[in-house]
C-alpha atoms as a PDB file:
ATOM      1  CA  MET A   1      10.221  -9.494  -2.300  1.00  0.00           C
ATOM      2  CA  THR A   2       6.627  -8.505  -2.880  1.00  0.00           C
ATOM      3  CA  LYS A   3       5.653  -4.835  -2.720  1.00  0.00           C
ATOM      4  CA  VAL A   4       2.764  -3.966  -0.384  1.00  0.00           C
ATOM      5  CA  ILE A   5       1.065  -0.596   0.029  1.00  0.00           C
ATOM      6  CA  HIS A   6      -0.485  -0.049   3.444  1.00  0.00           C
ATOM      7  CA  VAL A   7      -3.367   2.419   3.696  1.00  0.00           C
ATOM      8  CA  HIS A   8      -4.486   3.369   7.209  1.00  0.00           C
ATOM      9  CA  LEU A   9      -7.710   5.364   7.254  1.00  0.00           C
ATOM     10  CA  MET A  10      -7.937   7.766  10.193  1.00  0.00           C
ATOM     11  CA  GLN A  11     -11.749   7.699  10.200  1.00  0.00           C
ATOM     12  CA  GLY A  12     -12.755   4.311  11.586  1.00  0.00           C
ATOM     13  CA  ARG A  13      -9.120   3.263  11.992  1.00  0.00           C
ATOM     14  CA  LYS A  14      -9.279   0.769   9.135  1.00  0.00           C
ATOM     15  CA  ASN A  15      -6.241  -0.787   7.478  1.00  0.00           C
ATOM     16  CA  TYR A  16      -5.966  -1.976   3.891  1.00  0.00           C
ATOM     17  CA  TYR A  17      -3.088  -3.658   2.061  1.00  0.00           C
ATOM     18  CA  PHE A  18      -2.693  -3.411  -1.711  1.00  0.00           C
ATOM     19  CA  GLY A  19      -0.295  -4.665  -4.367  1.00  0.00           C
ATOM     20  CA  SER A  20      -0.367  -1.483  -6.451  1.00  0.00           C
ATOM     21  CA  ILE A  21      -1.590   2.108  -6.487  1.00  0.00           C
ATOM     22  CA  PRO A  22      -4.356   1.368  -9.054  1.00  0.00           C
ATOM     23  CA  ALA A  23      -5.607  -1.411  -6.753  1.00  0.00           C
ATOM     24  CA  ILE A  24      -6.163   1.181  -4.010  1.00  0.00           C
ATOM     25  CA  TYR A  25      -8.559   3.095  -6.238  1.00  0.00           C
ATOM     26  CA  SER A  26     -10.477  -0.066  -7.145  1.00  0.00           C
ATOM     27  CA  VAL A  27     -11.622  -0.203  -3.496  1.00  0.00           C
ATOM     28  CA  LEU A  28     -11.273   3.334  -2.130  1.00  0.00           C
ATOM     29  CA  THR A  29     -11.895   6.748  -3.656  1.00  0.00           C
ATOM     30  CA  ALA A  30      -9.652   9.808  -3.738  1.00  0.00           C
ATOM     31  CA  ASP A  31     -12.089  11.371  -1.273  1.00  0.00           C
ATOM     32  CA  ASP A  32     -11.689   8.391   1.088  1.00  0.00           C
ATOM     33  CA  ILE A  33      -7.912   8.754   1.294  1.00  0.00           C
ATOM     34  CA  GLY A  34      -7.456  12.450   0.584  1.00  0.00           C
ATOM     35  CA  ILE A  35      -5.253  12.194  -2.509  1.00  0.00           C
ATOM     36  CA  LYS A  36      -5.802  11.598  -6.223  1.00  0.00           C
ATOM     37  CA  GLN A  37      -4.206   8.619  -7.954  1.00  0.00           C
ATOM     38  CA  SER A  38      -2.007  10.804 -10.165  1.00  0.00           C
ATOM     39  CA  SER A  39      -0.663  12.667  -7.127  1.00  0.00           C
ATOM     40  CA  LEU A  40      -0.013   9.450  -5.209  1.00  0.00           C
ATOM     41  CA  GLU A  41       1.906   8.021  -8.172  1.00  0.00           C
ATOM     42  CA  ARG A  42       4.205  11.087  -8.149  1.00  0.00           C
ATOM     43  CA  VAL A  43       5.026  10.830  -4.434  1.00  0.00           C
ATOM     44  CA  GLY A  44       7.486   7.981  -4.917  1.00  0.00           C
ATOM     45  CA  LEU A  45       6.191   5.466  -2.401  1.00  0.00           C
ATOM     46  CA  SER A  46       8.623   2.836  -3.677  1.00  0.00           C
ATOM     47  CA  LYS A  47      11.506   5.088  -2.609  1.00  0.00           C
ATOM     48  CA  GLY A  48      10.368   5.238   1.005  1.00  0.00           C
ATOM     49  CA  GLY A  49       7.873   8.059   0.587  1.00  0.00           C
ATOM     50  CA  VAL A  50       4.961   8.340   2.990  1.00  0.00           C
ATOM     51  CA  VAL A  51       1.700  10.212   2.502  1.00  0.00           C
ATOM     52  CA  LEU A  52       0.203  11.600   5.676  1.00  0.00           C
ATOM     53  CA  ASN A  53      -2.907  13.748   5.608  1.00  0.00           C
ATOM     54  CA  LYS A  54      -6.083  14.236   7.650  1.00  0.00           C
ATOM     55  CA  LYS A  55      -7.716  11.176   6.073  1.00  0.00           C
ATOM     56  CA  ALA A  56      -4.983   8.544   5.716  1.00  0.00           C
ATOM     57  CA  VAL A  57      -1.433   7.349   6.144  1.00  0.00           C
ATOM     58  CA  ILE A  58      -0.157   5.623   3.003  1.00  0.00           C
ATOM     59  CA  GLN A  59       3.215   3.906   2.795  1.00  0.00           C
ATOM     60  CA  ALA A  60       4.860   1.160   0.811  1.00  0.00           C
ATOM     61  CA  GLY A  61       6.885  -1.726   2.128  1.00  0.00           C
ATOM     62  CA  GLU A  62       8.046  -5.197   1.261  1.00  0.00           C
ATOM     63  CA  LEU A  63       6.330  -8.376   2.329  1.00  0.00           C
ATOM     64  CA  ILE A  64       8.822 -10.626   4.089  1.00  0.00           C
ATOM     65  CA  ARG A  65       8.251 -14.330   3.680  1.00  0.00           C
ATOM     66  CA  ALA A  66       9.897 -17.282   5.353  1.00  0.00           C
ATOM     67  CA  LYS A  67      12.229 -19.296   3.184  1.00  0.00           C
ATOM     68  CA  ILE A  68      10.857 -22.773   2.606  1.00  0.00           C
ATOM     69  CA  ALA A  69      13.180 -25.661   1.886  1.00  0.00           C
ATOM     70  CA  GLN A  70      12.520 -27.190  -1.520  1.00  0.00           C
ATOM     71  CA  LYS A  71      11.427 -30.818  -1.552  1.00  0.00           C
ATOM     72  CA  GLU A  72      13.510 -33.209  -3.616  1.00  0.00           C
ATOM     73  CA  GLY A  73      11.831 -35.084  -6.434  1.00  0.00           C
ATOM     74  CA  VAL A  74       8.863 -32.721  -6.744  1.00  0.00           C
END
């Protein structure tokens, strides 16, 4: 499974999907989402934690992919 972090910004109702916490801060600022990177890393998103504040909802999940049959001879 692939980890995905969903960031929903309240202002403008925009959604972003990231592969890691540092990736969030390469696009958005702590002011944009209402939490510093160090604080977000301590929350424990991978253990089902959710951050909800006036600026954003941040939660982690797993990307579910369809199983593809492997081709023979490839």
